[in-house]
Every structure is written in C-alpha cells, then in structure tokens.
Amino acid sequence: QVQLVESGGGLVQAGGSLRLSCKAFGRTFSLHTMGWFRQAPGEEQEFVGRHWRSDGSTTIADSLKGRFTITGDNAKDTVYLEMNNLEPEDTAVYYCSAHVFGSNSPYWGSGTQVTVSS
C-alpha cells in the first residue's frame, strides 16, 4: 500500500505562483511514477504531469507547458508541481497519483484546492 499526502494549495492572484508537494508513504520502494491530475468544478479530471522515478524523466500536458513544471526527489519520496503565471482557469482540486510496478491501478491522494482569483 502507498499513501499520498498533498500540500501547498491555496488562494493566489492571477499571475502568481504556487508549488504543490506530494509525499508518498508506505511501500515507496515499489513506486514507478508519481504525478498530478486536476479537476475543476463541473469538469472532467485532467492530466497535468508525471515523473518517472527510475530516470527522473517528466512530462507535462501540452496546454500547461511553459507555466507548469514537475520535479521529483526520490530520496524524499516526493513529487513537486511548480505552477507559474497562474490563471483563473487553473482553479481546481489538484490530485497526486502514483503507480507502482506490476499494477495498472493508481493510488490517489485526497487532493489540494488551488484557487486563482482574477
């Protein structure tokens, strides 16, 4: 089992920045990837980005490139999402997800609210 705990959400003005953190607990040695999704009110869940622990590679959704960056610190079992030049459209609950080797079912955190005011 893996537990994920997000932090760093909050209220920010448009143009501002936030850094979200997600720390994994439990069987972290089995982790393959850690990443982020988001869900705005009335919208479907949207992929944000992913970090591969084996080689440190990352990917960010095309629509967010240039503003969002995902990084990982394997020693801390933590993945970060740096969000710059935030827009009101970025308002959502941001969820951390993780995959372990040998399973297609992701683990999920409880989410952290990000609200961007105009």
PDB file of N, CA and C in Angstrom:
ATOM      1  N   GLN A   1       0.836  -1.198   0.000  1.00  0.00           N
ATOM      2  CA  GLN A   1       0.000   0.000   0.000  1.00  0.00           C
ATOM      3  C   GLN A   1       0.867   1.242   0.000  1.00  0.00           C
ATOM      4  N   VAL A   2       0.361   2.249  -0.671  1.00  0.00           N
ATOM      5  CA  VAL A   2       1.030   3.541  -0.724  1.00  0.00           C
ATOM      6  C   VAL A   2       0.019   4.610  -0.349  1.00  0.00           C
ATOM      7  N   GLN A   3       0.424   5.518   0.494  1.00  0.00           N
ATOM      8  CA  GLN A   3      -0.417   6.661   0.841  1.00  0.00           C
ATOM      9  C   GLN A   3       0.241   7.932   0.303  1.00  0.00           C
ATOM     10  N   LEU A   4      -0.584   8.829  -0.199  1.00  0.00           N
ATOM     11  CA  LEU A   4      -0.094  10.069  -0.794  1.00  0.00           C
ATOM     12  C   LEU A   4      -0.697  11.254  -0.049  1.00  0.00           C
ATOM     13  N   VAL A   5       0.139  12.202   0.305  1.00  0.00           N
ATOM     14  CA  VAL A   5      -0.315  13.386   1.025  1.00  0.00           C
ATOM     15  C   VAL A   5       0.131  14.627   0.267  1.00  0.00           C
ATOM     16  N   GLU A   6      -0.843  15.395  -0.201  1.00  0.00           N
ATOM     17  CA  GLU A   6      -0.545  16.631  -0.939  1.00  0.00           C
ATOM     18  C   GLU A   6      -0.518  17.826   0.018  1.00  0.00           C
ATOM     19  N   SER A   7       0.210  18.839  -0.386  1.00  0.00           N
ATOM     20  CA  SER A   7       0.225  20.099   0.357  1.00  0.00           C
ATOM     21  C   SER A   7       0.613  21.220  -0.604  1.00  0.00           C
ATOM     22  N   GLY A   8       0.371  22.454  -0.154  1.00  0.00           N
ATOM     23  CA  GLY A   8       0.809  23.606  -0.925  1.00  0.00           C
ATOM     24  C   GLY A   8      -0.274  24.348  -1.669  1.00  0.00           C
ATOM     25  N   GLY A   9      -1.498  23.835  -1.638  1.00  0.00           N
ATOM     26  CA  GLY A   9      -2.573  24.551  -2.311  1.00  0.00           C
ATOM     27  C   GLY A   9      -2.951  25.811  -1.567  1.00  0.00           C
ATOM     28  N   GLY A  10      -3.815  26.603  -2.194  1.00  0.00           N
ATOM     29  CA  GLY A  10      -4.263  27.823  -1.544  1.00  0.00           C
ATOM     30  C   GLY A  10      -4.861  28.791  -2.529  1.00  0.00           C
ATOM     31  N   LEU A  11      -5.004  30.029  -2.073  1.00  0.00           N
ATOM     32  CA  LEU A  11      -5.572  31.106  -2.877  1.00  0.00           C
ATOM     33  C   LEU A  11      -4.452  32.015  -3.364  1.00  0.00           C
ATOM     34  N   VAL A  12      -4.450  32.298  -4.641  1.00  0.00           N
ATOM     35  CA  VAL A  12      -3.415  33.150  -5.222  1.00  0.00           C
ATOM     36  C   VAL A  12      -4.050  34.028  -6.290  1.00  0.00           C
ATOM     37  N   GLN A  13      -3.482  35.189  -6.491  1.00  0.00           N
ATOM     38  CA  GLN A  13      -3.982  36.070  -7.538  1.00  0.00           C
ATOM     39  C   GLN A  13      -3.452  35.631  -8.899  1.00  0.00           C
ATOM     40  N   ALA A  14      -4.188  35.985  -9.925  1.00  0.00           N
ATOM     41  CA  ALA A  14      -3.750  35.685 -11.287  1.00  0.00           C
ATOM     42  C   ALA A  14      -2.356  36.258 -11.514  1.00  0.00           C
ATOM     43  N   GLY A  15      -1.526  35.473 -12.163  1.00  0.00           N
ATOM     44  CA  GLY A  15      -0.143  35.861 -12.384  1.00  0.00           C
ATOM     45  C   GLY A  15       0.812  35.371 -11.313  1.00  0.00           C
ATOM     46  N   GLY A  16       0.266  34.867 -10.224  1.00  0.00           N
ATOM     47  CA  GLY A  16       1.082  34.389  -9.124  1.00  0.00           C
ATOM     48  C   GLY A  16       1.568  32.969  -9.331  1.00  0.00           C
ATOM     49  N   SER A  17       2.242  32.446  -8.312  1.00  0.00           N
ATOM     50  CA  SER A  17       2.834  31.114  -8.375  1.00  0.00           C
ATOM     51  C   SER A  17       2.493  30.316  -7.124  1.00  0.00           C
ATOM     52  N   LEU A  18       2.483  29.020  -7.289  1.00  0.00           N
ATOM     53  CA  LEU A  18       2.329  28.094  -6.176  1.00  0.00           C
ATOM     54  C   LEU A  18       3.192  26.874  -6.452  1.00  0.00           C
ATOM     55  N   ARG A  19       3.624  26.222  -5.382  1.00  0.00           N
ATOM     56  CA  ARG A  19       4.303  24.939  -5.523  1.00  0.00           C
ATOM     57  C   ARG A  19       3.559  23.911  -4.683  1.00  0.00           C
ATOM     58  N   LEU A  20       3.098  22.889  -5.348  1.00  0.00           N
ATOM     59  CA  LEU A  20       2.438  21.781  -4.673  1.00  0.00           C
ATOM     60  C   LEU A  20       3.453  20.669  -4.409  1.00  0.00           C
ATOM     61  N   SER A  21       3.256  19.997  -3.291  1.00  0.00           N
ATOM     62  CA  SER A  21       4.089  18.857  -2.936  1.00  0.00           C
ATOM     63  C   SER A  21       3.203  17.637  -2.712  1.00  0.00           C
ATOM     64  N   CYS A  22       3.744  16.488  -3.030  1.00  0.00           N
ATOM     65  CA  CYS A  22       3.062  15.231  -2.760  1.00  0.00           C
ATOM     66  C   CYS A  22       4.098  14.255  -2.217  1.00  0.00           C
ATOM     67  N   LYS A  23       3.890  13.823  -1.006  1.00  0.00           N
ATOM     68  CA  LYS A  23       4.815  12.880  -0.376  1.00  0.00           C
ATOM     69  C   LYS A  23       4.146  11.528  -0.260  1.00  0.00           C
ATOM     70  N   ALA A  24       4.897  10.507  -0.612  1.00  0.00           N
ATOM     71  CA  ALA A  24       4.409   9.135  -0.543  1.00  0.00           C
ATOM     72  C   ALA A  24       4.894   8.457   0.730  1.00  0.00           C
ATOM     73  N   PHE A  25       4.020   7.617   1.280  1.00  0.00           N
ATOM     74  CA  PHE A  25       4.333   6.835   2.465  1.00  0.00           C
ATOM     75  C   PHE A  25       3.982   5.378   2.189  1.00  0.00           C
ATOM     76  N   GLY A  26       4.594   4.499   2.959  1.00  0.00           N
ATOM     77  CA  GLY A  26       4.279   3.088   2.823  1.00  0.00           C
ATOM     78  C   GLY A  26       5.311   2.370   1.966  1.00  0.00           C
ATOM     79  N   ARG A  27       4.839   1.573   1.026  1.00  0.00           N
ATOM     80  CA  ARG A  27       5.716   0.754   0.193  1.00  0.00           C
ATOM     81  C   ARG A  27       6.296   1.582  -0.955  1.00  0.00           C
ATOM     82  N   THR A  28       7.038   2.597  -0.592  1.00  0.00           N
ATOM     83  CA  THR A  28       7.541   3.536  -1.602  1.00  0.00           C
ATOM     84  C   THR A  28       8.605   2.914  -2.499  1.00  0.00           C
ATOM     85  N   PHE A  29       9.211   1.823  -2.048  1.00  0.00           N
ATOM     86  CA  PHE A  29      10.229   1.177  -2.882  1.00  0.00           C
ATOM     87  C   PHE A  29       9.617   0.620  -4.166  1.00  0.00           C
ATOM     88  N   SER A  30       8.300   0.436  -4.167  1.00  0.00           N
ATOM     89  CA  SER A  30       7.635  -0.137  -5.332  1.00  0.00           C
ATOM     90  C   SER A  30       7.126   0.925  -6.310  1.00  0.00           C
ATOM     91  N   LEU A  31       7.364   2.195  -5.991  1.00  0.00           N
ATOM     92  CA  LEU A  31       6.847   3.262  -6.844  1.00  0.00           C
ATOM     93  C   LEU A  31       7.523   3.289  -8.213  1.00  0.00           C
ATOM     94  N   HIS A  32       6.717   3.514  -9.234  1.00  0.00           N
ATOM     95  CA  HIS A  32       7.203   3.623 -10.610  1.00  0.00           C
ATOM     96  C   HIS A  32       7.082   5.074 -11.095  1.00  0.00           C
ATOM     97  N   THR A  33       5.918   5.648 -10.946  1.00  0.00           N
ATOM     98  CA  THR A  33       5.709   7.039 -11.334  1.00  0.00           C
ATOM     99  C   THR A  33       4.881   7.760 -10.266  1.00  0.00           C
ATOM    100  N   MET A  34       5.058   9.062 -10.224  1.00  0.00           N
ATOM    101  CA  MET A  34       4.211   9.930  -9.408  1.00  0.00           C
ATOM    102  C   MET A  34       3.831  11.113 -10.270  1.00  0.00           C
ATOM    103  N   GLY A  35       2.619  11.599 -10.100  1.00  0.00           N
ATOM    104  CA  GLY A  35       2.194  12.692 -10.952  1.00  0.00           C
ATOM    105  C   GLY A  35       1.003  13.441 -10.409  1.00  0.00           C
ATOM    106  N   TRP A  36       0.462  14.292 -11.266  1.00  0.00           N
ATOM    107  CA  TRP A  36      -0.633  15.175 -10.868  1.00  0.00           C
ATOM    108  C   TRP A  36      -1.751  15.168 -11.902  1.00  0.00           C
ATOM    109  N   PHE A  37      -2.968  15.215 -11.391  1.00  0.00           N
ATOM    110  CA  PHE A  37      -4.163  15.464 -12.173  1.00  0.00           C
ATOM    111  C   PHE A  37      -4.888  16.628 -11.505  1.00  0.00           C
ATOM    112  N   ARG A  38      -5.839  17.190 -12.211  1.00  0.00           N
ATOM    113  CA  ARG A  38      -6.660  18.228 -11.605  1.00  0.00           C
ATOM    114  C   ARG A  38      -8.093  18.108 -12.086  1.00  0.00           C
ATOM    115  N   GLN A  39      -8.995  18.634 -11.276  1.00  0.00           N
ATOM    116  CA  GLN A  39     -10.405  18.621 -11.637  1.00  0.00           C
ATOM    117  C   GLN A  39     -11.047  19.926 -11.210  1.00  0.00           C
ATOM    118  N   ALA A  40     -11.514  20.664 -12.189  1.00  0.00           N
ATOM    119  CA  ALA A  40     -12.223  21.907 -11.926  1.00  0.00           C
ATOM    120  C   ALA A  40     -13.703  21.613 -11.713  1.00  0.00           C
ATOM    121  N   PRO A  41     -14.416  22.501 -11.046  1.00  0.00           N
ATOM    122  CA  PRO A  41     -15.841  22.295 -10.809  1.00  0.00           C
ATOM    123  C   PRO A  41     -16.600  22.066 -12.116  1.00  0.00           C
ATOM    124  N   GLY A  42     -17.364  20.991 -12.166  1.00  0.00           N
ATOM    125  CA  GLY A  42     -18.169  20.701 -13.343  1.00  0.00           C
ATOM    126  C   GLY A  42     -17.398  20.168 -14.528  1.00  0.00           C
ATOM    127  N   GLU A  43     -16.113  19.918 -14.333  1.00  0.00           N
ATOM    128  CA  GLU A  43     -15.271  19.440 -15.431  1.00  0.00           C
ATOM    129  C   GLU A  43     -14.766  18.032 -15.154  1.00  0.00           C
ATOM    130  N   GLU A  44     -14.283  17.386 -16.210  1.00  0.00           N
ATOM    131  CA  GLU A  44     -13.669  16.074 -16.033  1.00  0.00           C
ATOM    132  C   GLU A  44     -12.243  16.228 -15.515  1.00  0.00           C
ATOM    133  N   GLN A  45     -11.765  15.153 -14.954  1.00  0.00           N
ATOM    134  CA  GLN A  45     -10.391  15.150 -14.473  1.00  0.00           C
ATOM    135  C   GLN A  45      -9.428  15.321 -15.627  1.00  0.00           C
ATOM    136  N   GLU A  46      -8.374  16.097 -15.399  1.00  0.00           N
ATOM    137  CA  GLU A  46      -7.419  16.437 -16.449  1.00  0.00           C
ATOM    138  C   GLU A  46      -6.010  16.063 -16.022  1.00  0.00           C
ATOM    139  N   PHE A  47      -5.271  15.432 -16.916  1.00  0.00           N
ATOM    140  CA  PHE A  47      -3.873  15.092 -16.651  1.00  0.00           C
ATOM    141  C   PHE A  47      -3.039  16.368 -16.617  1.00  0.00           C
ATOM    142  N   VAL A  48      -2.153  16.448 -15.632  1.00  0.00           N
ATOM    143  CA  VAL A  48      -1.262  17.605 -15.513  1.00  0.00           C
ATOM    144  C   VAL A  48       0.180  17.215 -15.845  1.00  0.00           C
ATOM    145  N   GLY A  49       0.706  16.242 -15.163  1.00  0.00           N
ATOM    146  CA  GLY A  49       2.097  15.857 -15.414  1.00  0.00           C
ATOM    147  C   GLY A  49       2.481  14.605 -14.655  1.00  0.00           C
ATOM    148  N   ARG A  50       3.639  14.059 -15.004  1.00  0.00           N
ATOM    149  CA  ARG A  50       4.100  12.807 -14.406  1.00  0.00           C
ATOM    150  C   ARG A  50       5.615  12.803 -14.327  1.00  0.00           C
ATOM    151  N   HIS A  51       6.126  12.137 -13.275  1.00  0.00           N
ATOM    152  CA  HIS A  51       7.567  11.981 -13.053  1.00  0.00           C
ATOM    153  C   HIS A  51       7.882  10.488 -12.923  1.00  0.00           C
ATOM    154  N   TRP A  52       8.894  10.064 -13.674  1.00  0.00           N
ATOM    155  CA  TRP A  52       9.334   8.676 -13.593  1.00  0.00           C
ATOM    156  C   TRP A  52      10.512   8.594 -12.628  1.00  0.00           C
ATOM    157  N   ARG A  53      10.385   7.759 -11.615  1.00  0.00           N
ATOM    158  CA  ARG A  53      11.415   7.692 -10.583  1.00  0.00           C
ATOM    159  C   ARG A  53      12.701   7.049 -11.075  1.00  0.00           C
ATOM    160  N   SER A  54      12.593   6.166 -12.052  1.00  0.00           N
ATOM    161  CA  SER A  54      13.777   5.403 -12.471  1.00  0.00           C
ATOM    162  C   SER A  54      14.837   6.292 -13.107  1.00  0.00           C
ATOM    163  N   ASP A  55      14.418   7.231 -13.939  1.00  0.00           N
ATOM    164  CA  ASP A  55      15.400   8.057 -14.638  1.00  0.00           C
ATOM    165  C   ASP A  55      15.154   9.555 -14.490  1.00  0.00           C
ATOM    166  N   GLY A  56      14.139   9.918 -13.734  1.00  0.00           N
ATOM    167  CA  GLY A  56      13.881  11.336 -13.499  1.00  0.00           C
ATOM    168  C   GLY A  56      13.177  12.045 -14.643  1.00  0.00           C
ATOM    169  N   SER A  57      12.794  11.307 -15.661  1.00  0.00           N
ATOM    170  CA  SER A  57      12.126  11.966 -16.779  1.00  0.00           C
ATOM    171  C   SER A  57      10.746  12.445 -16.354  1.00  0.00           C
ATOM    172  N   THR A  58      10.268  13.456 -17.078  1.00  0.00           N
ATOM    173  CA  THR A  58       8.975  14.054 -16.743  1.00  0.00           C
ATOM    174  C   THR A  58       8.192  14.358 -18.014  1.00  0.00           C
ATOM    175  N   THR A  59       6.919  14.547 -17.842  1.00  0.00           N
ATOM    176  CA  THR A  59       6.074  15.025 -18.919  1.00  0.00           C
ATOM    177  C   THR A  59       5.025  15.961 -18.326  1.00  0.00           C
ATOM    178  N   ILE A  60       4.670  16.976 -19.092  1.00  0.00           N
ATOM    179  CA  ILE A  60       3.650  17.944 -18.692  1.00  0.00           C
ATOM    180  C   ILE A  60       2.634  18.033 -19.829  1.00  0.00           C
ATOM    181  N   ALA A  61       1.377  18.197 -19.485  1.00  0.00           N
ATOM    182  CA  ALA A  61       0.351  18.377 -20.508  1.00  0.00           C
ATOM    183  C   ALA A  61       0.728  19.535 -21.426  1.00  0.00           C
ATOM    184  N   ASP A  62       0.497  19.353 -22.704  1.00  0.00           N
ATOM    185  CA  ASP A  62       0.902  20.369 -23.690  1.00  0.00           C
ATOM    186  C   ASP A  62       0.348  21.750 -23.352  1.00  0.00           C
ATOM    187  N   SER A  63      -0.890  21.782 -22.901  1.00  0.00           N
ATOM    188  CA  SER A  63      -1.536  23.071 -22.631  1.00  0.00           C
ATOM    189  C   SER A  63      -0.925  23.807 -21.448  1.00  0.00           C
ATOM    190  N   LEU A  64      -0.116  23.096 -20.649  1.00  0.00           N
ATOM    191  CA  LEU A  64       0.459  23.692 -19.444  1.00  0.00           C
ATOM    192  C   LEU A  64       1.960  23.923 -19.562  1.00  0.00           C
ATOM    193  N   LYS A  65       2.548  23.458 -20.638  1.00  0.00           N
ATOM    194  CA  LYS A  65       3.991  23.643 -20.807  1.00  0.00           C
ATOM    195  C   LYS A  65       4.342  25.128 -20.842  1.00  0.00           C
ATOM    196  N   GLY A  66       5.432  25.433 -20.218  1.00  0.00           N
ATOM    197  CA  GLY A  66       5.865  26.824 -20.143  1.00  0.00           C
ATOM    198  C   GLY A  66       5.427  27.505 -18.869  1.00  0.00           C
ATOM    199  N   ARG A  67       4.387  26.967 -18.221  1.00  0.00           N
ATOM    200  CA  ARG A  67       3.934  27.547 -16.960  1.00  0.00           C
ATOM    201  C   ARG A  67       4.078  26.563 -15.789  1.00  0.00           C
ATOM    202  N   PHE A  68       3.899  25.286 -16.061  1.00  0.00           N
ATOM    203  CA  PHE A  68       3.958  24.259 -15.012  1.00  0.00           C
ATOM    204  C   PHE A  68       5.198  23.405 -15.201  1.00  0.00           C
ATOM    205  N   THR A  69       5.809  23.033 -14.090  1.00  0.00           N
ATOM    206  CA  THR A  69       6.981  22.154 -14.104  1.00  0.00           C
ATOM    207  C   THR A  69       6.809  21.109 -13.020  1.00  0.00           C
ATOM    208  N   ILE A  70       7.121  19.859 -13.357  1.00  0.00           N
ATOM    209  CA  ILE A  70       7.055  18.781 -12.374  1.00  0.00           C
ATOM    210  C   ILE A  70       8.466  18.270 -12.121  1.00  0.00           C
ATOM    211  N   THR A  71       8.774  18.081 -10.852  1.00  0.00           N
ATOM    212  CA  THR A  71      10.074  17.533 -10.463  1.00  0.00           C
ATOM    213  C   THR A  71       9.856  16.502  -9.368  1.00  0.00           C
ATOM    214  N   GLY A  72      10.863  15.670  -9.161  1.00  0.00           N
ATOM    215  CA  GLY A  72      10.756  14.646  -8.139  1.00  0.00           C
ATOM    216  C   GLY A  72      12.024  14.543  -7.326  1.00  0.00           C
ATOM    217  N   ASP A  73      11.872  14.163  -6.095  1.00  0.00           N
ATOM    218  CA  ASP A  73      13.006  13.912  -5.198  1.00  0.00           C
ATOM    219  C   ASP A  73      12.811  12.513  -4.639  1.00  0.00           C
ATOM    220  N   ASN A  74      13.508  11.547  -5.228  1.00  0.00           N
ATOM    221  CA  ASN A  74      13.303  10.151  -4.824  1.00  0.00           C
ATOM    222  C   ASN A  74      13.704   9.914  -3.365  1.00  0.00           C
ATOM    223  N   ALA A  75      14.721  10.605  -2.929  1.00  0.00           N
ATOM    224  CA  ALA A  75      15.184  10.409  -1.554  1.00  0.00           C
ATOM    225  C   ALA A  75      14.113  10.803  -0.540  1.00  0.00           C
ATOM    226  N   LYS A  76      13.260  11.734  -0.947  1.00  0.00           N
ATOM    227  CA  LYS A  76      12.173  12.187  -0.070  1.00  0.00           C
ATOM    228  C   LYS A  76      10.827  11.590  -0.457  1.00  0.00           C
ATOM    229  N   ASP A  77      10.824  10.736  -1.486  1.00  0.00           N
ATOM    230  CA  ASP A  77       9.564  10.148  -1.961  1.00  0.00           C
ATOM    231  C   ASP A  77       8.526  11.221  -2.233  1.00  0.00           C
ATOM    232  N   THR A  78       8.969  12.275  -2.843  1.00  0.00           N
ATOM    233  CA  THR A  78       8.123  13.448  -3.041  1.00  0.00           C
ATOM    234  C   THR A  78       8.195  13.924  -4.482  1.00  0.00           C
ATOM    235  N   VAL A  79       7.058  14.354  -4.990  1.00  0.00           N
ATOM    236  CA  VAL A  79       6.988  14.988  -6.299  1.00  0.00           C
ATOM    237  C   VAL A  79       6.414  16.384  -6.109  1.00  0.00           C
ATOM    238  N   TYR A  80       6.918  17.304  -6.916  1.00  0.00           N
ATOM    239  CA  TYR A  80       6.518  18.698  -6.804  1.00  0.00           C
ATOM    240  C   TYR A  80       5.890  19.170  -8.109  1.00  0.00           C
ATOM    241  N   LEU A  81       4.969  20.114  -7.983  1.00  0.00           N
ATOM    242  CA  LEU A  81       4.395  20.764  -9.151  1.00  0.00           C
ATOM    243  C   LEU A  81       4.550  22.267  -8.964  1.00  0.00           C
ATOM    244  N   GLU A  82       5.435  22.840  -9.763  1.00  0.00           N
ATOM    245  CA  GLU A  82       5.657  24.280  -9.730  1.00  0.00           C
ATOM    246  C   GLU A  82       4.732  24.914 -10.761  1.00  0.00           C
ATOM    247  N   MET A  83       3.901  25.843 -10.297  1.00  0.00           N
ATOM    248  CA  MET A  83       2.924  26.480 -11.172  1.00  0.00           C
ATOM    249  C   MET A  83       3.171  27.978 -11.174  1.00  0.00           C
ATOM    250  N   ASN A  84       3.455  28.509 -12.353  1.00  0.00           N
ATOM    251  CA  ASN A  84       3.750  29.939 -12.504  1.00  0.00           C
ATOM    252  C   ASN A  84       2.721  30.596 -13.408  1.00  0.00           C
ATOM    253  N   ASN A  85       2.655  31.919 -13.301  1.00  0.00           N
ATOM    254  CA  ASN A  85       1.734  32.696 -14.126  1.00  0.00           C
ATOM    255  C   ASN A  85       0.332  32.079 -14.108  1.00  0.00           C
ATOM    256  N   LEU A  86      -0.141  31.820 -12.920  1.00  0.00           N
ATOM    257  CA  LEU A  86      -1.426  31.149 -12.772  1.00  0.00           C
ATOM    258  C   LEU A  86      -2.572  31.981 -13.309  1.00  0.00           C
ATOM    259  N   GLU A  87      -3.557  31.276 -13.833  1.00  0.00           N
ATOM    260  CA  GLU A  87      -4.739  31.894 -14.424  1.00  0.00           C
ATOM    261  C   GLU A  87      -5.978  31.397 -13.678  1.00  0.00           C
ATOM    262  N   PRO A  88      -7.062  32.179 -13.702  1.00  0.00           N
ATOM    263  CA  PRO A  88      -8.291  31.712 -13.033  1.00  0.00           C
ATOM    264  C   PRO A  88      -8.727  30.329 -13.525  1.00  0.00           C
ATOM    265  N   GLU A  89      -8.414  30.023 -14.777  1.00  0.00           N
ATOM    266  CA  GLU A  89      -8.783  28.718 -15.336  1.00  0.00           C
ATOM    267  C   GLU A  89      -8.002  27.565 -14.709  1.00  0.00           C
ATOM    268  N   ASP A  90      -6.979  27.875 -13.955  1.00  0.00           N
ATOM    269  CA  ASP A  90      -6.216  26.835 -13.260  1.00  0.00           C
ATOM    270  C   ASP A  90      -6.872  26.451 -11.935  1.00  0.00           C
ATOM    271  N   THR A  91      -7.920  27.137 -11.564  1.00  0.00           N
ATOM    272  CA  THR A  91      -8.627  26.807 -10.333  1.00  0.00           C
ATOM    273  C   THR A  91      -9.176  25.397 -10.417  1.00  0.00           C
ATOM    274  N   ALA A  92      -8.813  24.578  -9.438  1.00  0.00           N
ATOM    275  CA  ALA A  92      -9.207  23.168  -9.450  1.00  0.00           C
ATOM    276  C   ALA A  92      -8.722  22.509  -8.169  1.00  0.00           C
ATOM    277  N   VAL A  93      -9.191  21.303  -7.958  1.00  0.00           N
ATOM    278  CA  VAL A  93      -8.586  20.443  -6.954  1.00  0.00           C
ATOM    279  C   VAL A  93      -7.489  19.654  -7.659  1.00  0.00           C
ATOM    280  N   TYR A  94      -6.305  19.706  -7.117  1.00  0.00           N
ATOM    281  CA  TYR A  94      -5.158  19.023  -7.689  1.00  0.00           C
ATOM    282  C   TYR A  94      -4.902  17.737  -6.903  1.00  0.00           C
ATOM    283  N   TYR A  95      -4.866  16.646  -7.639  1.00  0.00           N
ATOM    284  CA  TYR A  95      -4.703  15.330  -7.026  1.00  0.00           C
ATOM    285  C   TYR A  95      -3.357  14.732  -7.408  1.00  0.00           C
ATOM    286  N   CYS A  96      -2.699  14.175  -6.432  1.00  0.00           N
ATOM    287  CA  CYS A  96      -1.474  13.420  -6.674  1.00  0.00           C
ATOM    288  C   CYS A  96      -1.853  11.977  -6.975  1.00  0.00           C
ATOM    289  N   SER A  97      -1.139  11.385  -7.915  1.00  0.00           N
ATOM    290  CA  SER A  97      -1.353   9.978  -8.216  1.00  0.00           C
ATOM    291  C   SER A  97      -0.018   9.268  -8.296  1.00  0.00           C
ATOM    292  N   ALA A  98      -0.038   7.970  -8.083  1.00  0.00           N
ATOM    293  CA  ALA A  98       1.187   7.185  -8.152  1.00  0.00           C
ATOM    294  C   ALA A  98       0.886   5.794  -8.663  1.00  0.00           C
ATOM    295  N   HIS A  99       1.801   5.278  -9.453  1.00  0.00           N
ATOM    296  CA  HIS A  99       1.724   3.898  -9.917  1.00  0.00           C
ATOM    297  C   HIS A  99       2.893   3.129  -9.329  1.00  0.00           C
ATOM    298  N   VAL A 100       2.633   1.897  -8.986  1.00  0.00           N
ATOM    299  CA  VAL A 100       3.689   1.001  -8.538  1.00  0.00           C
ATOM    300  C   VAL A 100       3.941  -0.033  -9.625  1.00  0.00           C
ATOM    301  N   PHE A 101       5.136  -0.592  -9.590  1.00  0.00           N
ATOM    302  CA  PHE A 101       5.478  -1.644 -10.550  1.00  0.00           C
ATOM    303  C   PHE A 101       4.528  -2.814 -10.396  1.00  0.00           C
ATOM    304  N   GLY A 102       4.081  -3.326 -11.536  1.00  0.00           N
ATOM    305  CA  GLY A 102       3.244  -4.506 -11.531  1.00  0.00           C
ATOM    306  C   GLY A 102       1.767  -4.239 -11.381  1.00  0.00           C
ATOM    307  N   SER A 103       1.359  -2.974 -11.362  1.00  0.00           N
ATOM    308  CA  SER A 103      -0.054  -2.661 -11.204  1.00  0.00           C
ATOM    309  C   SER A 103      -0.442  -1.501 -12.106  1.00  0.00           C
ATOM    310  N   ASN A 104      -1.626  -1.605 -12.709  1.00  0.00           N
ATOM    311  CA  ASN A 104      -2.154  -0.514 -13.528  1.00  0.00           C
ATOM    312  C   ASN A 104      -3.096   0.377 -12.741  1.00  0.00           C
ATOM    313  N   SER A 105      -3.359   0.019 -11.508  1.00  0.00           N
ATOM    314  CA  SER A 105      -4.287   0.806 -10.692  1.00  0.00           C
ATOM    315  C   SER A 105      -3.522   1.850  -9.900  1.00  0.00           C
ATOM    316  N   PRO A 106      -3.822   3.118 -10.109  1.00  0.00           N
ATOM    317  CA  PRO A 106      -3.072   4.158  -9.402  1.00  0.00           C
ATOM    318  C   PRO A 106      -3.553   4.348  -7.964  1.00  0.00           C
ATOM    319  N   TYR A 107      -2.643   4.845  -7.155  1.00  0.00           N
ATOM    320  CA  TYR A 107      -3.005   5.359  -5.839  1.00  0.00           C
ATOM    321  C   TYR A 107      -3.298   6.847  -5.988  1.00  0.00           C
ATOM    322  N   TRP A 108      -4.178   7.343  -5.118  1.00  0.00           N
ATOM    323  CA  TRP A 108      -4.570   8.744  -5.191  1.00  0.00           C
ATOM    324  C   TRP A 108      -4.442   9.408  -3.823  1.00  0.00           C
ATOM    325  N   GLY A 109      -4.061  10.679  -3.874  1.00  0.00           N
ATOM    326  CA  GLY A 109      -4.146  11.492  -2.674  1.00  0.00           C
ATOM    327  C   GLY A 109      -5.551  12.057  -2.545  1.00  0.00           C
ATOM    328  N   SER A 110      -5.785  12.770  -1.458  1.00  0.00           N
ATOM    329  CA  SER A 110      -7.119  13.320  -1.215  1.00  0.00           C
ATOM    330  C   SER A 110      -7.352  14.645  -1.924  1.00  0.00           C
ATOM    331  N   GLY A 111      -6.283  15.222  -2.466  1.00  0.00           N
ATOM    332  CA  GLY A 111      -6.421  16.449  -3.233  1.00  0.00           C
ATOM    333  C   GLY A 111      -6.129  17.702  -2.438  1.00  0.00           C
ATOM    334  N   THR A 112      -5.709  18.728  -3.140  1.00  0.00           N
ATOM    335  CA  THR A 112      -5.479  20.041  -2.527  1.00  0.00           C
ATOM    336  C   THR A 112      -6.076  21.101  -3.446  1.00  0.00           C
ATOM    337  N   GLN A 113      -6.799  22.038  -2.839  1.00  0.00           N
ATOM    338  CA  GLN A 113      -7.514  23.053  -3.607  1.00  0.00           C
ATOM    339  C   GLN A 113      -6.573  24.179  -4.022  1.00  0.00           C
ATOM    340  N   VAL A 114      -6.636  24.532  -5.278  1.00  0.00           N
ATOM    341  CA  VAL A 114      -5.932  25.707  -5.798  1.00  0.00           C
ATOM    342  C   VAL A 114      -6.990  26.649  -6.361  1.00  0.00           C
ATOM    343  N   THR A 115      -6.999  27.874  -5.862  1.00  0.00           N
ATOM    344  CA  THR A 115      -7.946  28.867  -6.325  1.00  0.00           C
ATOM    345  C   THR A 115      -7.181  30.095  -6.801  1.00  0.00           C
ATOM    346  N   VAL A 116      -7.431  30.475  -8.041  1.00  0.00           N
ATOM    347  CA  VAL A 116      -6.759  31.626  -8.636  1.00  0.00           C
ATOM    348  C   VAL A 116      -7.795  32.715  -8.855  1.00  0.00           C
ATOM    349  N   SER A 117      -7.593  33.832  -8.210  1.00  0.00           N
ATOM    350  CA  SER A 117      -8.538  34.941  -8.334  1.00  0.00           C
ATOM    351  C   SER A 117      -8.099  35.899  -9.432  1.00  0.00           C
ATOM    352  N   SER A 118      -9.071  36.497 -10.077  1.00  0.00           N
ATOM    353  CA  SER A 118      -8.764  37.417 -11.187  1.00  0.00           C
ATOM    354  C   SER A 118      -8.593  38.843 -10.697  1.00  0.00           C
TER     355      SER A 118
END
